C-alpha cells in the first residue's frame, strides 16, 4: 500500500517489526480491540480480539497455525479455531468474530481498515 492511500479509512497500529512472525498483537482501532497477526514474513490478518466463548480479550495471544488450507488462531482459553481470513469459528460458527482489513504501508507500518469487513 502506498503512503498516500493510508490517509482515510485506515489506522496505523504498529511497525511490522513489532510483530514477531506467526504471532499477534492487540491494537485499539476505533474503540475496538483488534488482534493483528503477522503470518510468515509479511502476511497480515486482523480479527476482533474478544473470544466469544470466554468473553475475554485474548485472541491476540492465541497460537497461529493452519487447519487444512485455513490459516487460524486458536483461542488460548477455549481452544476454538478462528479463520484469520474470515473470522469464522471452525468448531462453532455462531461464535465467529469480525475480520478486519490489514495492510502494510511502504514505510513498514501496519494498517487496519477502520471499517470491519
PDB file of N, CA and C in Angstrom:
ATOM      1  N   UNK A   1       0.850  -1.169   0.000  1.00  0.00           N
ATOM      2  CA  UNK A   1       0.000   0.000   0.000  1.00  0.00           C
ATOM      3  C   UNK A   1       0.893   1.227   0.000  1.00  0.00           C
ATOM      4  N   UNK A   2       0.564   2.186  -0.828  1.00  0.00           N
ATOM      5  CA  UNK A   2       1.333   3.419  -0.892  1.00  0.00           C
ATOM      6  C   UNK A   2       0.943   4.336   0.247  1.00  0.00           C
ATOM      7  N   UNK A   3       1.884   5.147   0.711  1.00  0.00           N
ATOM      8  CA  UNK A   3       1.632   6.044   1.828  1.00  0.00           C
ATOM      9  C   UNK A   3       0.426   6.937   1.586  1.00  0.00           C
ATOM     10  N   UNK A   4       0.216   7.409   0.356  1.00  0.00           N
ATOM     11  CA  UNK A   4      -0.900   8.298   0.064  1.00  0.00           C
ATOM     12  C   UNK A   4      -2.253   7.608   0.218  1.00  0.00           C
ATOM     13  N   UNK A   5      -2.291   6.275   0.166  1.00  0.00           N
ATOM     14  CA  UNK A   5      -3.546   5.539   0.298  1.00  0.00           C
ATOM     15  C   UNK A   5      -3.947   5.392   1.764  1.00  0.00           C
ATOM     16  N   UNK A   6      -3.057   5.722   2.687  1.00  0.00           N
ATOM     17  CA  UNK A   6      -3.303   5.475   4.106  1.00  0.00           C
ATOM     18  C   UNK A   6      -3.926   6.672   4.813  1.00  0.00           C
ATOM     19  N   UNK A   7      -4.445   7.641   4.087  1.00  0.00           N
ATOM     20  CA  UNK A   7      -4.933   8.842   4.739  1.00  0.00           C
ATOM     21  C   UNK A   7      -6.365   8.714   5.248  1.00  0.00           C
ATOM     22  N   UNK A   8      -7.214   7.946   4.566  1.00  0.00           N
ATOM     23  CA  UNK A   8      -8.603   7.816   5.003  1.00  0.00           C
ATOM     24  C   UNK A   8      -8.999   6.357   5.072  1.00  0.00           C
ATOM     25  N   UNK A   9      -9.721   6.016   6.140  1.00  0.00           N
ATOM     26  CA  UNK A   9     -10.247   4.677   6.260  1.00  0.00           C
ATOM     27  C   UNK A   9      -9.281   3.658   6.838  1.00  0.00           C
ATOM     28  N   UNK A  10      -8.094   4.076   7.226  1.00  0.00           N
ATOM     29  CA  UNK A  10      -7.089   3.163   7.774  1.00  0.00           C
ATOM     30  C   UNK A  10      -6.470   3.770   9.024  1.00  0.00           C
ATOM     31  N   UNK A  11      -6.068   2.924   9.949  1.00  0.00           N
ATOM     32  CA  UNK A  11      -5.373   3.352  11.161  1.00  0.00           C
ATOM     33  C   UNK A  11      -4.041   2.617  11.248  1.00  0.00           C
ATOM     34  N   UNK A  12      -2.951   3.366  11.403  1.00  0.00           N
ATOM     35  CA  UNK A  12      -1.634   2.758  11.616  1.00  0.00           C
ATOM     36  C   UNK A  12      -1.588   2.284  13.066  1.00  0.00           C
ATOM     37  N   UNK A  13      -1.202   0.999  13.274  1.00  0.00           N
ATOM     38  CA  UNK A  13      -1.225   0.444  14.628  1.00  0.00           C
ATOM     39  C   UNK A  13       0.155   0.112  15.179  1.00  0.00           C
ATOM     40  N   UNK A  14       1.113  -0.212  14.322  1.00  0.00           N
ATOM     41  CA  UNK A  14       2.466  -0.528  14.772  1.00  0.00           C
ATOM     42  C   UNK A  14       3.344  -0.746  13.549  1.00  0.00           C
ATOM     43  N   UNK A  15       4.624  -0.963  13.794  1.00  0.00           N
ATOM     44  CA  UNK A  15       5.544  -1.331  12.715  1.00  0.00           C
ATOM     45  C   UNK A  15       5.485  -2.841  12.521  1.00  0.00           C
ATOM     46  N   UNK A  16       5.699  -3.292  11.298  1.00  0.00           N
ATOM     47  CA  UNK A  16       5.722  -4.727  11.020  1.00  0.00           C
ATOM     48  C   UNK A  16       6.725  -5.435  11.936  1.00  0.00           C
ATOM     49  N   UNK A  17       7.870  -4.811  12.169  1.00  0.00           N
ATOM     50  CA  UNK A  17       8.906  -5.422  13.008  1.00  0.00           C
ATOM     51  C   UNK A  17       8.491  -5.547  14.474  1.00  0.00           C
ATOM     52  N   UNK A  18       7.407  -4.876  14.877  1.00  0.00           N
ATOM     53  CA  UNK A  18       6.906  -5.008  16.250  1.00  0.00           C
ATOM     54  C   UNK A  18       6.157  -6.319  16.470  1.00  0.00           C
ATOM     55  N   UNK A  19       5.844  -7.020  15.389  1.00  0.00           N
ATOM     56  CA  UNK A  19       5.109  -8.286  15.494  1.00  0.00           C
ATOM     57  C   UNK A  19       6.049  -9.418  15.090  1.00  0.00           C
ATOM     58  N   UNK A  20       6.336 -10.301  16.015  1.00  0.00           N
ATOM     59  CA  UNK A  20       7.168 -11.466  15.729  1.00  0.00           C
ATOM     60  C   UNK A  20       6.403 -12.349  14.739  1.00  0.00           C
ATOM     61  N   UNK A  21       7.069 -12.889  13.708  1.00  0.00           N
ATOM     62  CA  UNK A  21       6.353 -13.752  12.763  1.00  0.00           C
ATOM     63  C   UNK A  21       5.594 -14.877  13.466  1.00  0.00           C
ATOM     64  N   UNK A  22       4.386 -15.128  12.968  1.00  0.00           N
ATOM     65  CA  UNK A  22       3.494 -16.179  13.457  1.00  0.00           C
ATOM     66  C   UNK A  22       2.977 -15.928  14.869  1.00  0.00           C
ATOM     67  N   UNK A  23       2.826 -14.644  15.202  1.00  0.00           N
ATOM     68  CA  UNK A  23       2.213 -14.244  16.468  1.00  0.00           C
ATOM     69  C   UNK A  23       1.285 -13.060  16.212  1.00  0.00           C
ATOM     70  N   UNK A  24       0.643 -12.614  17.281  1.00  0.00           N
ATOM     71  CA  UNK A  24      -0.260 -11.484  17.173  1.00  0.00           C
ATOM     72  C   UNK A  24      -0.002 -10.440  18.238  1.00  0.00           C
ATOM     73  N   UNK A  25      -0.579  -9.267  18.014  1.00  0.00           N
ATOM     74  CA  UNK A  25      -0.579  -8.174  18.979  1.00  0.00           C
ATOM     75  C   UNK A  25      -1.995  -7.612  19.026  1.00  0.00           C
ATOM     76  N   UNK A  26      -2.284  -6.873  20.072  1.00  0.00           N
ATOM     77  CA  UNK A  26      -3.595  -6.241  20.181  1.00  0.00           C
ATOM     78  C   UNK A  26      -3.454  -4.761  19.891  1.00  0.00           C
ATOM     79  N   UNK A  27      -4.426  -4.218  19.157  1.00  0.00           N
ATOM     80  CA  UNK A  27      -4.443  -2.790  18.847  1.00  0.00           C
ATOM     81  C   UNK A  27      -5.850  -2.249  19.084  1.00  0.00           C
ATOM     82  N   UNK A  28      -5.935  -0.983  19.438  1.00  0.00           N
ATOM     83  CA  UNK A  28      -7.222  -0.318  19.599  1.00  0.00           C
ATOM     84  C   UNK A  28      -7.515   0.450  18.315  1.00  0.00           C
ATOM     85  N   UNK A  29      -8.594   0.074  17.634  1.00  0.00           N
ATOM     86  CA  UNK A  29      -8.966   0.694  16.362  1.00  0.00           C
ATOM     87  C   UNK A  29     -10.421   1.146  16.468  1.00  0.00           C
ATOM     88  N   UNK A  30     -10.639   2.434  16.388  1.00  0.00           N
ATOM     89  CA  UNK A  30     -11.994   2.995  16.506  1.00  0.00           C
ATOM     90  C   UNK A  30     -12.724   2.478  17.739  1.00  0.00           C
ATOM     91  N   UNK A  31     -12.024   2.371  18.847  1.00  0.00           N
ATOM     92  CA  UNK A  31     -12.624   1.930  20.100  1.00  0.00           C
ATOM     93  C   UNK A  31     -12.786   0.431  20.249  1.00  0.00           C
ATOM     94  N   UNK A  32     -12.368  -0.340  19.253  1.00  0.00           N
ATOM     95  CA  UNK A  32     -12.489  -1.803  19.299  1.00  0.00           C
ATOM     96  C   UNK A  32     -11.110  -2.435  19.458  1.00  0.00           C
ATOM     97  N   UNK A  33     -11.023  -3.497  20.269  1.00  0.00           N
ATOM     98  CA  UNK A  33      -9.781  -4.254  20.374  1.00  0.00           C
ATOM     99  C   UNK A  33      -9.682  -5.190  19.173  1.00  0.00           C
ATOM    100  N   UNK A  34      -8.580  -5.062  18.445  1.00  0.00           N
ATOM    101  CA  UNK A  34      -8.354  -5.866  17.250  1.00  0.00           C
ATOM    102  C   UNK A  34      -7.076  -6.679  17.437  1.00  0.00           C
ATOM    103  N   UNK A  35      -7.159  -7.977  17.177  1.00  0.00           N
ATOM    104  CA  UNK A  35      -5.993  -8.853  17.208  1.00  0.00           C
ATOM    105  C   UNK A  35      -5.364  -8.822  15.820  1.00  0.00           C
ATOM    106  N   UNK A  36      -4.111  -8.389  15.747  1.00  0.00           N
ATOM    107  CA  UNK A  36      -3.397  -8.236  14.476  1.00  0.00           C
ATOM    108  C   UNK A  36      -2.308  -9.299  14.424  1.00  0.00           C
ATOM    109  N   UNK A  37      -2.307 -10.093  13.369  1.00  0.00           N
ATOM    110  CA  UNK A  37      -1.387 -11.222  13.244  1.00  0.00           C
ATOM    111  C   UNK A  37      -0.464 -11.047  12.051  1.00  0.00           C
ATOM    112  N   UNK A  38       0.793 -11.420  12.270  1.00  0.00           N
ATOM    113  CA  UNK A  38       1.792 -11.499  11.197  1.00  0.00           C
ATOM    114  C   UNK A  38       2.060 -12.982  10.980  1.00  0.00           C
ATOM    115  N   UNK A  39       1.785 -13.451   9.779  1.00  0.00           N
ATOM    116  CA  UNK A  39       1.998 -14.851   9.442  1.00  0.00           C
ATOM    117  C   UNK A  39       3.131 -14.891   8.423  1.00  0.00           C
ATOM    118  N   UNK A  40       4.201 -15.596   8.770  1.00  0.00           N
ATOM    119  CA  UNK A  40       5.379 -15.588   7.914  1.00  0.00           C
ATOM    120  C   UNK A  40       6.050 -14.227   7.980  1.00  0.00           C
ATOM    121  N   UNK A  41       6.664 -13.826   6.891  1.00  0.00           N
ATOM    122  CA  UNK A  41       7.421 -12.568   6.892  1.00  0.00           C
ATOM    123  C   UNK A  41       6.547 -11.326   6.728  1.00  0.00           C
ATOM    124  N   UNK A  42       5.494 -11.401   5.876  1.00  0.00           N
ATOM    125  CA  UNK A  42       4.779 -10.160   5.552  1.00  0.00           C
ATOM    126  C   UNK A  42       3.259 -10.289   5.471  1.00  0.00           C
ATOM    127  N   UNK A  43       2.695 -11.472   5.671  1.00  0.00           N
ATOM    128  CA  UNK A  43       1.242 -11.616   5.572  1.00  0.00           C
ATOM    129  C   UNK A  43       0.589 -11.124   6.857  1.00  0.00           C
ATOM    130  N   UNK A  44      -0.429 -10.286   6.716  1.00  0.00           N
ATOM    131  CA  UNK A  44      -1.107  -9.685   7.860  1.00  0.00           C
ATOM    132  C   UNK A  44      -2.582 -10.039   7.858  1.00  0.00           C
ATOM    133  N   UNK A  45      -3.117 -10.289   9.049  1.00  0.00           N
ATOM    134  CA  UNK A  45      -4.532 -10.587   9.240  1.00  0.00           C
ATOM    135  C   UNK A  45      -4.982  -9.893  10.515  1.00  0.00           C
ATOM    136  N   UNK A  46      -6.275  -9.624  10.606  1.00  0.00           N
ATOM    137  CA  UNK A  46      -6.807  -8.999  11.815  1.00  0.00           C
ATOM    138  C   UNK A  46      -8.233  -9.469  12.050  1.00  0.00           C
ATOM    139  N   UNK A  47      -8.523  -9.791  13.306  1.00  0.00           N
ATOM    140  CA  UNK A  47      -9.871 -10.182  13.739  1.00  0.00           C
ATOM    141  C   UNK A  47     -10.133  -9.511  15.083  1.00  0.00           C
ATOM    142  N   UNK A  48     -11.400  -9.490  15.501  1.00  0.00           N
ATOM    143  CA  UNK A  48     -11.709  -8.986  16.834  1.00  0.00           C
ATOM    144  C   UNK A  48     -10.885  -9.745  17.864  1.00  0.00           C
ATOM    145  N   UNK A  49     -10.451  -9.055  18.910  1.00  0.00           N
ATOM    146  CA  UNK A  49      -9.631  -9.681  19.941  1.00  0.00           C
ATOM    147  C   UNK A  49     -10.458 -10.444  20.972  1.00  0.00           C
ATOM    148  N   UNK A  50     -11.746 -10.172  21.050  1.00  0.00           N
ATOM    149  CA  UNK A  50     -12.597 -10.793  22.063  1.00  0.00           C
ATOM    150  C   UNK A  50     -12.958 -12.228  21.686  1.00  0.00           C
ATOM    151  N   UNK A  51     -12.629 -13.162  22.561  1.00  0.00           N
ATOM    152  CA  UNK A  51     -13.014 -14.567  22.391  1.00  0.00           C
ATOM    153  C   UNK A  51     -14.479 -14.686  22.810  1.00  0.00           C
ATOM    154  N   UNK A  52     -15.376 -14.976  21.868  1.00  0.00           N
ATOM    155  CA  UNK A  52     -16.802 -15.011  22.217  1.00  0.00           C
ATOM    156  C   UNK A  52     -17.174 -16.130  23.183  1.00  0.00           C
ATOM    157  N   UNK A  53     -16.378 -17.175  23.263  1.00  0.00           N
ATOM    158  CA  UNK A  53     -16.686 -18.274  24.176  1.00  0.00           C
ATOM    159  C   UNK A  53     -16.413 -17.931  25.630  1.00  0.00           C
ATOM    160  N   UNK A  54     -15.326 -17.218  25.887  1.00  0.00           N
ATOM    161  CA  UNK A  54     -14.942 -16.874  27.263  1.00  0.00           C
ATOM    162  C   UNK A  54     -15.228 -15.415  27.611  1.00  0.00           C
ATOM    163  N   UNK A  55     -15.512 -14.606  26.603  1.00  0.00           N
ATOM    164  CA  UNK A  55     -15.725 -13.155  26.756  1.00  0.00           C
ATOM    165  C   UNK A  55     -14.476 -12.451  27.273  1.00  0.00           C
ATOM    166  N   UNK A  56     -13.311 -13.034  27.006  1.00  0.00           N
ATOM    167  CA  UNK A  56     -12.034 -12.434  27.387  1.00  0.00           C
ATOM    168  C   UNK A  56     -11.334 -11.912  26.132  1.00  0.00           C
ATOM    169  N   UNK A  57     -10.623 -10.809  26.280  1.00  0.00           N
ATOM    170  CA  UNK A  57      -9.893 -10.212  25.159  1.00  0.00           C
ATOM    171  C   UNK A  57      -8.521 -10.873  25.057  1.00  0.00           C
ATOM    172  N   UNK A  58      -8.462 -12.042  24.380  1.00  0.00           N
ATOM    173  CA  UNK A  58      -7.240 -12.855  24.387  1.00  0.00           C
ATOM    174  C   UNK A  58      -6.819 -13.412  23.031  1.00  0.00           C
ATOM    175  N   UNK A  59      -7.579 -13.190  21.977  1.00  0.00           N
ATOM    176  CA  UNK A  59      -7.239 -13.858  20.713  1.00  0.00           C
ATOM    177  C   UNK A  59      -5.867 -13.466  20.190  1.00  0.00           C
ATOM    178  N   UNK A  60      -5.400 -12.241  20.471  1.00  0.00           N
ATOM    179  CA  UNK A  60      -4.070 -11.822  20.012  1.00  0.00           C
ATOM    180  C   UNK A  60      -2.977 -12.695  20.615  1.00  0.00           C
ATOM    181  N   UNK A  61      -3.263 -13.378  21.722  1.00  0.00           N
ATOM    182  CA  UNK A  61      -2.268 -14.229  22.385  1.00  0.00           C
ATOM    183  C   UNK A  61      -2.418 -15.701  22.001  1.00  0.00           C
ATOM    184  N   UNK A  62      -3.326 -15.993  21.062  1.00  0.00           N
ATOM    185  CA  UNK A  62      -3.551 -17.371  20.651  1.00  0.00           C
ATOM    186  C   UNK A  62      -2.442 -17.911  19.764  1.00  0.00           C
ATOM    187  N   UNK A  63      -2.465 -19.229  19.577  1.00  0.00           N
ATOM    188  CA  UNK A  63      -1.481 -19.888  18.723  1.00  0.00           C
ATOM    189  C   UNK A  63      -1.924 -19.832  17.267  1.00  0.00           C
ATOM    190  N   UNK A  64      -1.024 -19.405  16.399  1.00  0.00           N
ATOM    191  CA  UNK A  64      -1.288 -19.302  14.968  1.00  0.00           C
ATOM    192  C   UNK A  64      -0.834 -20.593  14.296  1.00  0.00           C
ATOM    193  N   UNK A  65      -1.654 -21.091  13.375  1.00  0.00           N
ATOM    194  CA  UNK A  65      -1.302 -22.301  12.643  1.00  0.00           C
ATOM    195  C   UNK A  65      -2.214 -22.468  11.452  1.00  0.00           C
ATOM    196  N   UNK A  66      -2.335 -23.694  10.984  1.00  0.00           N
ATOM    197  CA  UNK A  66      -3.223 -23.951   9.850  1.00  0.00           C
ATOM    198  C   UNK A  66      -3.972 -25.250  10.100  1.00  0.00           C
ATOM    199  N   UNK A  67      -5.180 -25.279   9.604  1.00  0.00           N
ATOM    200  CA  UNK A  67      -6.010 -26.481   9.573  1.00  0.00           C
ATOM    201  C   UNK A  67      -6.413 -26.660   8.124  1.00  0.00           C
ATOM    202  N   UNK A  68      -5.809 -27.607   7.456  1.00  0.00           N
ATOM    203  CA  UNK A  68      -6.042 -27.749   6.025  1.00  0.00           C
ATOM    204  C   UNK A  68      -5.521 -26.510   5.315  1.00  0.00           C
ATOM    205  N   UNK A  69      -6.363 -25.896   4.525  1.00  0.00           N
ATOM    206  CA  UNK A  69      -5.999 -24.700   3.772  1.00  0.00           C
ATOM    207  C   UNK A  69      -6.214 -23.416   4.567  1.00  0.00           C
ATOM    208  N   UNK A  70      -6.770 -23.523   5.753  1.00  0.00           N
ATOM    209  CA  UNK A  70      -7.134 -22.334   6.528  1.00  0.00           C
ATOM    210  C   UNK A  70      -6.018 -21.931   7.482  1.00  0.00           C
ATOM    211  N   UNK A  71      -5.749 -20.626   7.512  1.00  0.00           N
ATOM    212  CA  UNK A  71      -4.831 -20.049   8.488  1.00  0.00           C
ATOM    213  C   UNK A  71      -5.692 -19.642   9.673  1.00  0.00           C
ATOM    214  N   UNK A  72      -5.333 -20.132  10.857  1.00  0.00           N
ATOM    215  CA  UNK A  72      -6.201 -19.947  12.022  1.00  0.00           C
ATOM    216  C   UNK A  72      -5.409 -19.474  13.236  1.00  0.00           C
ATOM    217  N   UNK A  73      -6.164 -18.958  14.213  1.00  0.00           N
ATOM    218  CA  UNK A  73      -5.646 -18.718  15.546  1.00  0.00           C
ATOM    219  C   UNK A  73      -6.506 -19.532  16.494  1.00  0.00           C
ATOM    220  N   UNK A  74      -5.859 -20.201  17.455  1.00  0.00           N
ATOM    221  CA  UNK A  74      -6.571 -20.970  18.470  1.00  0.00           C
ATOM    222  C   UNK A  74      -6.686 -20.115  19.725  1.00  0.00           C
ATOM    223  N   UNK A  75      -7.893 -19.978  20.233  1.00  0.00           N
ATOM    224  CA  UNK A  75      -8.094 -19.222  21.462  1.00  0.00           C
ATOM    225  C   UNK A  75      -7.288 -19.854  22.590  1.00  0.00           C
ATOM    226  N   UNK A  76      -6.548 -19.035  23.356  1.00  0.00           N
ATOM    227  CA  UNK A  76      -5.783 -19.607  24.460  1.00  0.00           C
ATOM    228  C   UNK A  76      -6.662 -20.104  25.614  1.00  0.00           C
ATOM    229  N   UNK A  77      -7.936 -19.753  25.607  1.00  0.00           N
ATOM    230  CA  UNK A  77      -8.835 -20.185  26.676  1.00  0.00           C
ATOM    231  C   UNK A  77      -9.730 -21.335  26.228  1.00  0.00           C
ATOM    232  N   UNK A  78     -10.488 -21.127  25.150  1.00  0.00           N
ATOM    233  CA  UNK A  78     -11.468 -22.139  24.726  1.00  0.00           C
ATOM    234  C   UNK A  78     -10.908 -23.137  23.731  1.00  0.00           C
ATOM    235  N   UNK A  79      -9.733 -22.839  23.164  1.00  0.00           N
ATOM    236  CA  UNK A  79      -9.069 -23.696  22.164  1.00  0.00           C
ATOM    237  C   UNK A  79      -9.828 -23.769  20.837  1.00  0.00           C
ATOM    238  N   UNK A  80     -10.870 -22.953  20.665  1.00  0.00           N
ATOM    239  CA  UNK A  80     -11.571 -22.917  19.382  1.00  0.00           C
ATOM    240  C   UNK A  80     -10.688 -22.225  18.352  1.00  0.00           C
ATOM    241  N   UNK A  81     -10.845 -22.613  17.085  1.00  0.00           N
ATOM    242  CA  UNK A  81     -10.035 -22.087  15.997  1.00  0.00           C
ATOM    243  C   UNK A  81     -10.831 -21.057  15.198  1.00  0.00           C
ATOM    244  N   UNK A  82     -10.189 -19.907  14.934  1.00  0.00           N
ATOM    245  CA  UNK A  82     -10.807 -18.832  14.165  1.00  0.00           C
ATOM    246  C   UNK A  82     -10.017 -18.633  12.881  1.00  0.00           C
ATOM    247  N   UNK A  83     -10.721 -18.662  11.748  1.00  0.00           N
ATOM    248  CA  UNK A  83     -10.105 -18.437  10.443  1.00  0.00           C
ATOM    249  C   UNK A  83      -9.658 -16.979  10.392  1.00  0.00           C
ATOM    250  N   UNK A  84      -8.375 -16.732  10.149  1.00  0.00           N
ATOM    251  CA  UNK A  84      -7.871 -15.363  10.141  1.00  0.00           C
ATOM    252  C   UNK A  84      -8.317 -14.564   8.928  1.00  0.00           C
ATOM    253  N   UNK A  85      -8.741 -15.229   7.870  1.00  0.00           N
ATOM    254  CA  UNK A  85      -9.228 -14.500   6.690  1.00  0.00           C
ATOM    255  C   UNK A  85     -10.669 -14.032   6.854  1.00  0.00           C
ATOM    256  N   UNK A  86     -11.484 -14.849   7.536  1.00  0.00           N
ATOM    257  CA  UNK A  86     -12.921 -14.570   7.596  1.00  0.00           C
ATOM    258  C   UNK A  86     -13.461 -14.325   9.001  1.00  0.00           C
ATOM    259  N   UNK A  87     -12.734 -14.747  10.029  1.00  0.00           N
ATOM    260  CA  UNK A  87     -13.218 -14.653  11.401  1.00  0.00           C
ATOM    261  C   UNK A  87     -14.099 -15.811  11.821  1.00  0.00           C
ATOM    262  N   UNK A  88     -14.363 -16.750  10.909  1.00  0.00           N
ATOM    263  CA  UNK A  88     -15.251 -17.866  11.220  1.00  0.00           C
ATOM    264  C   UNK A  88     -14.649 -18.761  12.302  1.00  0.00           C
ATOM    265  N   UNK A  89     -15.475 -19.124  13.286  1.00  0.00           N
ATOM    266  CA  UNK A  89     -15.081 -20.103  14.294  1.00  0.00           C
ATOM    267  C   UNK A  89     -15.364 -21.481  13.712  1.00  0.00           C
ATOM    268  N   UNK A  90     -14.332 -22.302  13.554  1.00  0.00           N
ATOM    269  CA  UNK A  90     -14.495 -23.583  12.879  1.00  0.00           C
ATOM    270  C   UNK A  90     -15.331 -24.569  13.684  1.00  0.00           C
ATOM    271  N   UNK A  91     -15.207 -24.555  14.997  1.00  0.00           N
ATOM    272  CA  UNK A  91     -15.949 -25.501  15.829  1.00  0.00           C
ATOM    273  C   UNK A  91     -17.383 -25.051  16.106  1.00  0.00           C
ATOM    274  N   UNK A  92     -17.614 -23.750  16.153  1.00  0.00           N
ATOM    275  CA  UNK A  92     -18.939 -23.211  16.491  1.00  0.00           C
ATOM    276  C   UNK A  92     -19.166 -21.923  15.709  1.00  0.00           C
ATOM    277  N   UNK A  93     -19.654 -22.035  14.459  1.00  0.00           N
ATOM    278  CA  UNK A  93     -19.807 -20.850  13.614  1.00  0.00           C
ATOM    279  C   UNK A  93     -20.590 -19.704  14.267  1.00  0.00           C
ATOM    280  N   UNK A  94     -21.465 -20.016  15.215  1.00  0.00           N
ATOM    281  CA  UNK A  94     -22.217 -18.956  15.888  1.00  0.00           C
ATOM    282  C   UNK A  94     -21.296 -18.103  16.771  1.00  0.00           C
ATOM    283  N   UNK A  95     -20.066 -18.543  17.015  1.00  0.00           N
ATOM    284  CA  UNK A  95     -19.097 -17.784  17.801  1.00  0.00           C
ATOM    285  C   UNK A  95     -18.069 -17.073  16.925  1.00  0.00           C
ATOM    286  N   UNK A  96     -18.363 -16.916  15.648  1.00  0.00           N
ATOM    287  CA  UNK A  96     -17.429 -16.248  14.739  1.00  0.00           C
ATOM    288  C   UNK A  96     -17.198 -14.797  15.166  1.00  0.00           C
ATOM    289  N   UNK A  97     -16.051 -14.252  14.775  1.00  0.00           N
ATOM    290  CA  UNK A  97     -15.690 -12.870  15.080  1.00  0.00           C
ATOM    291  C   UNK A  97     -15.536 -12.092  13.772  1.00  0.00           C
ATOM    292  N   UNK A  98     -15.481 -10.777  13.891  1.00  0.00           N
ATOM    293  CA  UNK A  98     -15.286  -9.938  12.705  1.00  0.00           C
ATOM    294  C   UNK A  98     -13.854 -10.032  12.201  1.00  0.00           C
ATOM    295  N   UNK A  99     -13.702 -10.040  10.905  1.00  0.00           N
ATOM    296  CA  UNK A  99     -12.381  -9.925  10.273  1.00  0.00           C
ATOM    297  C   UNK A  99     -12.212  -8.483   9.816  1.00  0.00           C
ATOM    298  N   UNK A 100     -11.032  -7.948  10.013  1.00  0.00           N
ATOM    299  CA  UNK A 100     -10.704  -6.576   9.631  1.00  0.00           C
ATOM    300  C   UNK A 100      -9.713  -6.598   8.476  1.00  0.00           C
ATOM    301  N   UNK A 101      -9.707  -5.558   7.680  1.00  0.00           N
ATOM    302  CA  UNK A 101      -8.716  -5.425   6.618  1.00  0.00           C
ATOM    303  C   UNK A 101      -7.378  -5.066   7.247  1.00  0.00           C
ATOM    304  N   UNK A 102      -6.310  -5.672   6.771  1.00  0.00           N
ATOM    305  CA  UNK A 102      -4.961  -5.365   7.241  1.00  0.00           C
ATOM    306  C   UNK A 102      -4.067  -5.165   6.033  1.00  0.00           C
ATOM    307  N   UNK A 103      -3.161  -4.208   6.141  1.00  0.00           N
ATOM    308  CA  UNK A 103      -2.280  -3.906   5.024  1.00  0.00           C
ATOM    309  C   UNK A 103      -0.941  -3.395   5.562  1.00  0.00           C
ATOM    310  N   UNK A 104       0.050  -3.386   4.699  1.00  0.00           N
ATOM    311  CA  UNK A 104       1.377  -2.908   5.053  1.00  0.00           C
ATOM    312  C   UNK A 104       1.705  -1.686   4.217  1.00  0.00           C
ATOM    313  N   UNK A 105       2.027  -0.592   4.890  1.00  0.00           N
ATOM    314  CA  UNK A 105       2.389   0.639   4.202  1.00  0.00           C
ATOM    315  C   UNK A 105       3.841   0.557   3.756  1.00  0.00           C
ATOM    316  N   UNK A 106       4.212   1.326   2.757  1.00  0.00           N
ATOM    317  CA  UNK A 106       5.574   1.318   2.209  1.00  0.00           C
ATOM    318  C   UNK A 106       6.644   1.547   3.274  1.00  0.00           C
ATOM    319  N   UNK A 107       6.325   2.310   4.313  1.00  0.00           N
ATOM    320  CA  UNK A 107       7.315   2.606   5.354  1.00  0.00           C
ATOM    321  C   UNK A 107       7.367   1.549   6.456  1.00  0.00           C
ATOM    322  N   UNK A 108       6.658   0.423   6.258  1.00  0.00           N
ATOM    323  CA  UNK A 108       6.688  -0.669   7.213  1.00  0.00           C
ATOM    324  C   UNK A 108       5.641  -0.599   8.313  1.00  0.00           C
ATOM    325  N   UNK A 109       4.746   0.377   8.251  1.00  0.00           N
ATOM    326  CA  UNK A 109       3.675   0.482   9.250  1.00  0.00           C
ATOM    327  C   UNK A 109       2.519  -0.446   8.888  1.00  0.00           C
ATOM    328  N   UNK A 110       1.978  -1.113   9.904  1.00  0.00           N
ATOM    329  CA  UNK A 110       0.815  -1.992   9.734  1.00  0.00           C
ATOM    330  C   UNK A 110      -0.424  -1.136   9.848  1.00  0.00           C
ATOM    331  N   UNK A 111      -1.318  -1.283   8.882  1.00  0.00           N
ATOM    332  CA  UNK A 111      -2.569  -0.517   8.843  1.00  0.00           C
ATOM    333  C   UNK A 111      -3.747  -1.456   8.998  1.00  0.00           C
ATOM    334  N   UNK A 112      -4.765  -0.977   9.722  1.00  0.00           N
ATOM    335  CA  UNK A 112      -6.018  -1.722   9.870  1.00  0.00           C
ATOM    336  C   UNK A 112      -7.124  -0.845   9.319  1.00  0.00           C
ATOM    337  N   UNK A 113      -7.971  -1.434   8.468  1.00  0.00           N
ATOM    338  CA  UNK A 113      -9.121  -0.720   7.927  1.00  0.00           C
ATOM    339  C   UNK A 113     -10.058  -0.347   9.053  1.00  0.00           C
ATOM    340  N   UNK A 114     -10.521   0.887   9.077  1.00  0.00           N
ATOM    341  CA  UNK A 114     -11.344   1.358  10.189  1.00  0.00           C
ATOM    342  C   UNK A 114     -12.797   0.893  10.086  1.00  0.00           C
ATOM    343  N   UNK A 115     -13.142   0.215   9.025  1.00  0.00           N
ATOM    344  CA  UNK A 115     -14.449  -0.397   8.897  1.00  0.00           C
ATOM    345  C   UNK A 115     -14.221  -1.892   8.782  1.00  0.00           C
ATOM    346  N   UNK A 116     -14.779  -2.653   9.717  1.00  0.00           N
ATOM    347  CA  UNK A 116     -14.590  -4.117   9.689  1.00  0.00           C
ATOM    348  C   UNK A 116     -15.195  -4.667   8.421  1.00  0.00           C
ATOM    349  N   UNK A 117     -14.606  -5.774   7.911  1.00  0.00           N
ATOM    350  CA  UNK A 117     -15.182  -6.408   6.731  1.00  0.00           C
ATOM    351  C   UNK A 117     -16.383  -7.215   7.151  1.00  0.00           C
TER     352      UNK A 117
END
